[in-house]
C-alpha atoms as a PDB file:
ATOM      1  CA  UNK A   1    -198.823  -8.600 146.228  1.00  0.00           C
ATOM      2  CA  UNK A   2    -198.551 -12.204 144.639  1.00  0.00           C
ATOM      3  CA  UNK A   3    -197.323 -15.374 146.543  1.00  0.00           C
ATOM      4  CA  UNK A   4    -193.784 -15.784 146.800  1.00  0.00           C
ATOM      5  CA  UNK A   5    -193.146 -11.956 146.540  1.00  0.00           C
ATOM      6  CA  UNK A   6    -190.926 -10.506 149.298  1.00  0.00           C
ATOM      7  CA  UNK A   7    -193.116  -9.177 152.276  1.00  0.00           C
ATOM      8  CA  UNK A   8    -194.064  -5.480 152.582  1.00  0.00           C
ATOM      9  CA  UNK A   9    -194.880  -5.749 156.197  1.00  0.00           C
ATOM     10  CA  UNK A  10    -193.511  -8.062 159.040  1.00  0.00           C
ATOM     11  CA  UNK A  11    -196.237 -10.764 159.389  1.00  0.00           C
ATOM     12  CA  UNK A  12    -197.338 -10.904 163.127  1.00  0.00           C
ATOM     13  CA  UNK A  13    -198.583 -14.461 164.881  1.00  0.00           C
ATOM     14  CA  UNK A  14    -202.250 -13.869 165.359  1.00  0.00           C
ATOM     15  CA  UNK A  15    -202.090 -14.392 168.972  1.00  0.00           C
ATOM     16  CA  UNK A  16    -205.712 -13.811 169.981  1.00  0.00           C
ATOM     17  CA  UNK A  17    -206.754 -16.421 167.031  1.00  0.00           C
ATOM     18  CA  UNK A  18    -204.329 -18.702 168.564  1.00  0.00           C
ATOM     19  CA  UNK A  19    -205.711 -18.285 172.106  1.00  0.00           C
ATOM     20  CA  UNK A  20    -209.219 -18.673 170.567  1.00  0.00           C
ATOM     21  CA  UNK A  21    -208.642 -21.733 168.512  1.00  0.00           C
ATOM     22  CA  UNK A  22    -205.720 -23.421 170.749  1.00  0.00           C
ATOM     23  CA  UNK A  23    -205.561 -21.994 174.266  1.00  0.00           C
ATOM     24  CA  UNK A  24    -201.997 -21.327 175.985  1.00  0.00           C
ATOM     25  CA  UNK A  25    -199.242 -22.527 174.043  1.00  0.00           C
ATOM     26  CA  UNK A  26    -195.873 -23.441 175.395  1.00  0.00           C
ATOM     27  CA  UNK A  27    -192.788 -23.165 173.163  1.00  0.00           C
ATOM     28  CA  UNK A  28    -189.695 -25.610 174.394  1.00  0.00           C
ATOM     29  CA  UNK A  29    -186.300 -24.754 172.556  1.00  0.00           C
ATOM     30  CA  UNK A  30    -185.131 -21.957 170.365  1.00  0.00           C
ATOM     31  CA  UNK A  31    -184.138 -21.236 166.634  1.00  0.00           C
ATOM     32  CA  UNK A  32    -180.722 -20.627 165.474  1.00  0.00           C
ATOM     33  CA  UNK A  33    -179.712 -17.513 164.033  1.00  0.00           C
ATOM     34  CA  UNK A  34    -179.978 -16.968 160.291  1.00  0.00           C
ATOM     35  CA  UNK A  35    -182.466 -18.595 157.607  1.00  0.00           C
ATOM     36  CA  UNK A  36    -183.718 -22.203 158.507  1.00  0.00           C
ATOM     37  CA  UNK A  37    -186.158 -24.479 157.214  1.00  0.00           C
ATOM     38  CA  UNK A  38    -188.753 -25.257 159.995  1.00  0.00           C
ATOM     39  CA  UNK A  39    -190.161 -28.909 159.716  1.00  0.00           C
ATOM     40  CA  UNK A  40    -193.439 -29.757 161.552  1.00  0.00           C
ATOM     41  CA  UNK A  41    -195.945 -32.550 162.104  1.00  0.00           C
ATOM     42  CA  UNK A  42    -199.365 -31.600 161.019  1.00  0.00           C
ATOM     43  CA  UNK A  43    -201.865 -32.861 163.471  1.00  0.00           C
ATOM     44  CA  UNK A  44    -204.345 -29.869 163.012  1.00  0.00           C
ATOM     45  CA  UNK A  45    -205.484 -27.411 160.733  1.00  0.00           C
ATOM     46  CA  UNK A  46    -204.847 -24.945 163.666  1.00  0.00           C
ATOM     47  CA  UNK A  47    -200.886 -25.526 163.117  1.00  0.00           C
ATOM     48  CA  UNK A  48    -200.496 -22.881 160.543  1.00  0.00           C
ATOM     49  CA  UNK A  49    -201.162 -20.193 163.454  1.00  0.00           C
ATOM     50  CA  UNK A  50    -198.563 -21.674 165.563  1.00  0.00           C
ATOM     51  CA  UNK A  51    -195.417 -21.256 163.030  1.00  0.00           C
ATOM     52  CA  UNK A  52    -195.979 -17.547 163.739  1.00  0.00           C
ATOM     53  CA  UNK A  53    -195.517 -17.856 167.359  1.00  0.00           C
ATOM     54  CA  UNK A  54    -192.136 -19.635 166.988  1.00  0.00           C
ATOM     55  CA  UNK A  55    -190.754 -16.975 164.147  1.00  0.00           C
ATOM     56  CA  UNK A  56    -193.251 -14.154 163.394  1.00  0.00           C
ATOM     57  CA  UNK A  57    -191.298 -13.850 159.902  1.00  0.00           C
ATOM     58  CA  UNK A  58    -191.802 -17.483 159.037  1.00  0.00           C
ATOM     59  CA  UNK A  59    -192.989 -17.814 155.484  1.00  0.00           C
ATOM     60  CA  UNK A  60    -195.389 -21.044 155.481  1.00  0.00           C
ATOM     61  CA  UNK A  61    -195.602 -23.363 152.530  1.00  0.00           C
ATOM     62  CA  UNK A  62    -199.162 -24.235 152.008  1.00  0.00           C
ATOM     63  CA  UNK A  63    -201.200 -26.083 149.357  1.00  0.00           C
ATOM     64  CA  UNK A  64    -201.690 -24.016 146.154  1.00  0.00           C
ATOM     65  CA  UNK A  65    -205.631 -24.710 146.581  1.00  0.00           C
ATOM     66  CA  UNK A  66    -205.571 -22.272 149.478  1.00  0.00           C
ATOM     67  CA  UNK A  67    -205.097 -19.500 146.949  1.00  0.00           C
ATOM     68  CA  UNK A  68    -207.955 -20.515 144.942  1.00  0.00           C
ATOM     69  CA  UNK A  69    -210.419 -19.166 147.653  1.00  0.00           C
ATOM     70  CA  UNK A  70    -210.554 -15.150 147.402  1.00  0.00           C
ATOM     71  CA  UNK A  71    -211.138 -14.831 151.350  1.00  0.00           C
ATOM     72  CA  UNK A  72    -208.329 -17.492 152.083  1.00  0.00           C
ATOM     73  CA  UNK A  73    -206.221 -15.957 149.488  1.00  0.00           C
ATOM     74  CA  UNK A  74    -205.985 -12.537 151.141  1.00  0.00           C
ATOM     75  CA  UNK A  75    -205.362 -13.860 154.608  1.00  0.00           C
ATOM     76  CA  UNK A  76    -202.786 -16.216 153.200  1.00  0.00           C
ATOM     77  CA  UNK A  77    -200.960 -13.636 151.722  1.00  0.00           C
ATOM     78  CA  UNK A  78    -201.158 -11.306 154.466  1.00  0.00           C
ATOM     79  CA  UNK A  79    -199.614 -13.650 156.658  1.00  0.00           C
ATOM     80  CA  UNK A  80    -196.756 -14.473 154.323  1.00  0.00           C
ATOM     81  CA  UNK A  81    -197.700 -17.781 153.145  1.00  0.00           C
ATOM     82  CA  UNK A  82    -196.480 -19.063 149.811  1.00  0.00           C
ATOM     83  CA  UNK A  83    -197.449 -22.062 147.432  1.00  0.00           C
ATOM     84  CA  UNK A  84    -195.574 -24.857 147.902  1.00  0.00           C
ATOM     85  CA  UNK A  85    -192.636 -24.893 145.511  1.00  0.00           C
ATOM     86  CA  UNK A  86    -188.991 -26.092 145.742  1.00  0.00           C
ATOM     87  CA  UNK A  87    -187.796 -23.007 143.510  1.00  0.00           C
ATOM     88  CA  UNK A  88    -189.787 -20.608 145.694  1.00  0.00           C
ATOM     89  CA  UNK A  89    -188.733 -21.758 149.001  1.00  0.00           C
ATOM     90  CA  UNK A  90    -185.141 -22.261 147.972  1.00  0.00           C
ATOM     91  CA  UNK A  91    -185.074 -18.741 146.677  1.00  0.00           C
ATOM     92  CA  UNK A  92    -186.722 -17.439 150.212  1.00  0.00           C
ATOM     93  CA  UNK A  93    -184.100 -19.374 152.270  1.00  0.00           C
ATOM     94  CA  UNK A  94    -181.383 -17.869 150.155  1.00  0.00           C
ATOM     95  CA  UNK A  95    -182.523 -14.577 150.639  1.00  0.00           C
ATOM     96  CA  UNK A  96    -182.150 -14.995 154.550  1.00  0.00           C
ATOM     97  CA  UNK A  97    -185.908 -15.964 155.402  1.00  0.00           C
ATOM     98  CA  UNK A  98    -187.135 -18.885 157.489  1.00  0.00           C
ATOM     99  CA  UNK A  99    -189.549 -21.075 155.689  1.00  0.00           C
ATOM    100  CA  UNK A 100    -191.845 -23.664 157.229  1.00  0.00           C
ATOM    101  CA  UNK A 101    -193.100 -26.840 155.953  1.00  0.00           C
ATOM    102  CA  UNK A 102    -195.305 -29.923 156.981  1.00  0.00           C
ATOM    103  CA  UNK A 103    -193.544 -32.889 155.049  1.00  0.00           C
ATOM    104  CA  UNK A 104    -196.585 -35.094 155.286  1.00  0.00           C
ATOM    105  CA  UNK A 105    -198.604 -32.553 153.692  1.00  0.00           C
ATOM    106  CA  UNK A 106    -201.895 -33.746 155.143  1.00  0.00           C
ATOM    107  CA  UNK A 107    -203.413 -33.395 158.416  1.00  0.00           C
ATOM    108  CA  UNK A 108    -203.406 -36.539 160.688  1.00  0.00           C
ATOM    109  CA  UNK A 109    -206.372 -36.357 162.954  1.00  0.00           C
ATOM    110  CA  UNK A 110    -204.678 -38.329 165.798  1.00  0.00           C
ATOM    111  CA  UNK A 111    -201.237 -37.082 165.874  1.00  0.00           C
ATOM    112  CA  UNK A 112    -200.009 -40.537 165.344  1.00  0.00           C
ATOM    113  CA  UNK A 113    -197.271 -39.813 162.457  1.00  0.00           C
ATOM    114  CA  UNK A 114    -198.554 -42.602 160.260  1.00  0.00           C
ATOM    115  CA  UNK A 115    -198.513 -40.700 157.023  1.00  0.00           C
ATOM    116  CA  UNK A 116    -195.313 -40.935 154.797  1.00  0.00           C
ATOM    117  CA  UNK A 117    -192.674 -37.819 154.695  1.00  0.00           C
ATOM    118  CA  UNK A 118    -192.214 -36.271 151.364  1.00  0.00           C
ATOM    119  CA  UNK A 119    -188.821 -35.589 150.253  1.00  0.00           C
ATOM    120  CA  UNK A 120    -189.216 -31.922 149.439  1.00  0.00           C
ATOM    121  CA  UNK A 121    -188.236 -30.408 152.991  1.00  0.00           C
ATOM    122  CA  UNK A 122    -184.709 -32.193 152.664  1.00  0.00           C
ATOM    123  CA  UNK A 123    -184.411 -31.114 148.928  1.00  0.00           C
ATOM    124  CA  UNK A 124    -185.148 -27.467 149.794  1.00  0.00           C
ATOM    125  CA  UNK A 125    -182.745 -27.428 152.654  1.00  0.00           C
ATOM    126  CA  UNK A 126    -180.143 -29.002 150.940  1.00  0.00           C
ATOM    127  CA  UNK A 127    -180.435 -26.874 148.054  1.00  0.00           C
ATOM    128  CA  UNK A 128    -180.573 -23.830 149.778  1.00  0.00           C
ATOM    129  CA  UNK A 129    -177.695 -24.639 151.968  1.00  0.00           C
ATOM    130  CA  UNK A 130    -179.606 -23.962 155.236  1.00  0.00           C
ATOM    131  CA  UNK A 131    -180.142 -26.101 158.224  1.00  0.00           C
ATOM    132  CA  UNK A 132    -183.503 -28.195 159.051  1.00  0.00           C
ATOM    133  CA  UNK A 133    -185.044 -27.764 162.373  1.00  0.00           C
ATOM    134  CA  UNK A 134    -187.352 -30.435 163.446  1.00  0.00           C
ATOM    135  CA  UNK A 135    -190.524 -29.157 165.172  1.00  0.00           C
ATOM    136  CA  UNK A 136    -193.103 -30.904 167.227  1.00  0.00           C
ATOM    137  CA  UNK A 137    -196.597 -29.801 167.867  1.00  0.00           C
ATOM    138  CA  UNK A 138    -198.527 -31.560 170.805  1.00  0.00           C
ATOM    139  CA  UNK A 139    -202.063 -30.528 171.423  1.00  0.00           C
ATOM    140  CA  UNK A 140    -203.588 -30.978 174.934  1.00  0.00           C
ATOM    141  CA  UNK A 141    -206.448 -33.279 173.673  1.00  0.00           C
ATOM    142  CA  UNK A 142    -206.891 -35.312 170.785  1.00  0.00           C
ATOM    143  CA  UNK A 143    -210.338 -37.111 169.422  1.00  0.00           C
ATOM    144  CA  UNK A 144    -210.665 -40.745 170.262  1.00  0.00           C
ATOM    145  CA  UNK A 145    -210.052 -43.567 167.791  1.00  0.00           C
ATOM    146  CA  UNK A 146    -213.689 -43.163 166.558  1.00  0.00           C
ATOM    147  CA  UNK A 147    -212.532 -40.870 163.809  1.00  0.00           C
ATOM    148  CA  UNK A 148    -210.548 -43.619 162.066  1.00  0.00           C
ATOM    149  CA  UNK A 149    -214.005 -45.326 160.725  1.00  0.00           C
ATOM    150  CA  UNK A 150    -213.944 -42.129 158.487  1.00  0.00           C
ATOM    151  CA  UNK A 151    -211.961 -41.267 155.416  1.00  0.00           C
ATOM    152  CA  UNK A 152    -208.911 -38.763 156.327  1.00  0.00           C
ATOM    153  CA  UNK A 153    -210.959 -35.922 154.513  1.00  0.00           C
ATOM    154  CA  UNK A 154    -213.968 -36.391 156.682  1.00  0.00           C
ATOM    155  CA  UNK A 155    -212.061 -36.741 159.587  1.00  0.00           C
ATOM    156  CA  UNK A 156    -210.567 -33.442 159.162  1.00  0.00           C
ATOM    157  CA  UNK A 157    -213.804 -31.793 158.492  1.00  0.00           C
ATOM    158  CA  UNK A 158    -215.230 -33.154 161.771  1.00  0.00           C
ATOM    159  CA  UNK A 159    -212.406 -31.805 163.569  1.00  0.00           C
ATOM    160  CA  UNK A 160    -212.352 -28.467 162.015  1.00  0.00           C
ATOM    161  CA  UNK A 161    -216.059 -28.342 163.051  1.00  0.00           C
ATOM    162  CA  UNK A 162    -215.464 -29.686 166.513  1.00  0.00           C
ATOM    163  CA  UNK A 163    -212.602 -27.420 167.459  1.00  0.00           C
ATOM    164  CA  UNK A 164    -214.028 -26.113 170.807  1.00  0.00           C
ATOM    165  CA  UNK A 165    -214.170 -29.515 172.230  1.00  0.00           C
ATOM    166  CA  UNK A 166    -210.306 -30.083 171.492  1.00  0.00           C
ATOM    167  CA  UNK A 167    -209.222 -26.751 172.575  1.00  0.00           C
ATOM    168  CA  UNK A 168    -206.520 -27.679 175.423  1.00  0.00           C
ATOM    169  CA  UNK A 169    -203.349 -25.740 174.579  1.00  0.00           C
ATOM    170  CA  UNK A 170    -200.355 -26.957 172.920  1.00  0.00           C
ATOM    171  CA  UNK A 171    -196.728 -27.793 173.484  1.00  0.00           C
ATOM    172  CA  UNK A 172    -194.259 -26.771 170.574  1.00  0.00           C
ATOM    173  CA  UNK A 173    -190.826 -28.490 170.709  1.00  0.00           C
ATOM    174  CA  UNK A 174    -187.994 -27.404 168.702  1.00  0.00           C
ATOM    175  CA  UNK A 175    -185.218 -29.775 168.071  1.00  0.00           C
ATOM    176  CA  UNK A 176    -181.440 -29.532 167.253  1.00  0.00           C
ATOM    177  CA  UNK A 177    -180.939 -28.148 163.536  1.00  0.00           C
ATOM    178  CA  UNK A 178    -179.136 -30.486 160.916  1.00  0.00           C
ATOM    179  CA  UNK A 179    -178.091 -30.372 157.452  1.00  0.00           C
ATOM    180  CA  UNK A 180    -179.273 -32.763 155.095  1.00  0.00           C
ATOM    181  CA  UNK A 181    -176.367 -34.463 152.868  1.00  0.00           C
ATOM    182  CA  UNK A 182    -177.993 -33.896 149.564  1.00  0.00           C
ATOM    183  CA  UNK A 183    -176.802 -37.144 148.402  1.00  0.00           C
ATOM    184  CA  UNK A 184    -179.714 -39.564 149.339  1.00  0.00           C
ATOM    185  CA  UNK A 185    -182.945 -37.582 149.771  1.00  0.00           C
ATOM    186  CA  UNK A 186    -184.734 -40.728 150.951  1.00  0.00           C
ATOM    187  CA  UNK A 187    -182.074 -41.398 153.859  1.00  0.00           C
ATOM    188  CA  UNK A 188    -181.963 -37.600 154.523  1.00  0.00           C
ATOM    189  CA  UNK A 189    -186.142 -37.759 154.899  1.00  0.00           C
ATOM    190  CA  UNK A 190    -185.682 -41.023 156.880  1.00  0.00           C
ATOM    191  CA  UNK A 191    -183.223 -39.096 159.274  1.00  0.00           C
ATOM    192  CA  UNK A 192    -185.631 -36.041 159.525  1.00  0.00           C
ATOM    193  CA  UNK A 193    -188.564 -38.209 160.521  1.00  0.00           C
ATOM    194  CA  UNK A 194    -186.467 -40.068 163.083  1.00  0.00           C
ATOM    195  CA  UNK A 195    -185.487 -36.629 164.686  1.00  0.00           C
ATOM    196  CA  UNK A 196    -189.088 -35.396 164.635  1.00  0.00           C
ATOM    197  CA  UNK A 197    -190.523 -38.556 166.185  1.00  0.00           C
ATOM    198  CA  UNK A 198    -187.665 -38.221 168.985  1.00  0.00           C
ATOM    199  CA  UNK A 199    -189.163 -35.115 170.239  1.00  0.00           C
END
């Protein structure tokens, strides 16, 4: 099965893996019925496993590089991940599937929400005619400001290697759904950011 094809099996959240990497997870709020685009912050590589706890059938949009590594590609496809592409996401949403995305595209090691949001999320939701649901992930422990002395790439490598020291559980908060206007993608993206920061 190639990325983007309909799933032949229902993906299940890797509960055991989440408990190992994250600890206990609390979910606040719920998703509306029907297809939605989940939009979350991205404070850790562990985020990818949390979407499945919110919606087991969610199709997570990931960087195409994930599919260049045979081992990662096999599990990414098994878990229903698809390469980031607006036409693919719109097609999945219009087919009634829930799709998830992190609009910054990059991990923010301190969870400070300093990276700019890309406009893809609001464009996908507007073109598919589905609501956006803001989602916020908060981990129980973050590294100190010492990581800022390193590049973003080095920060992420360090945190990936040191994950046992930051395994303190997580809280996932779901906001109220809203529909982008589709008229001004920058204004819609600013509204998405405002709603996500308010959670």
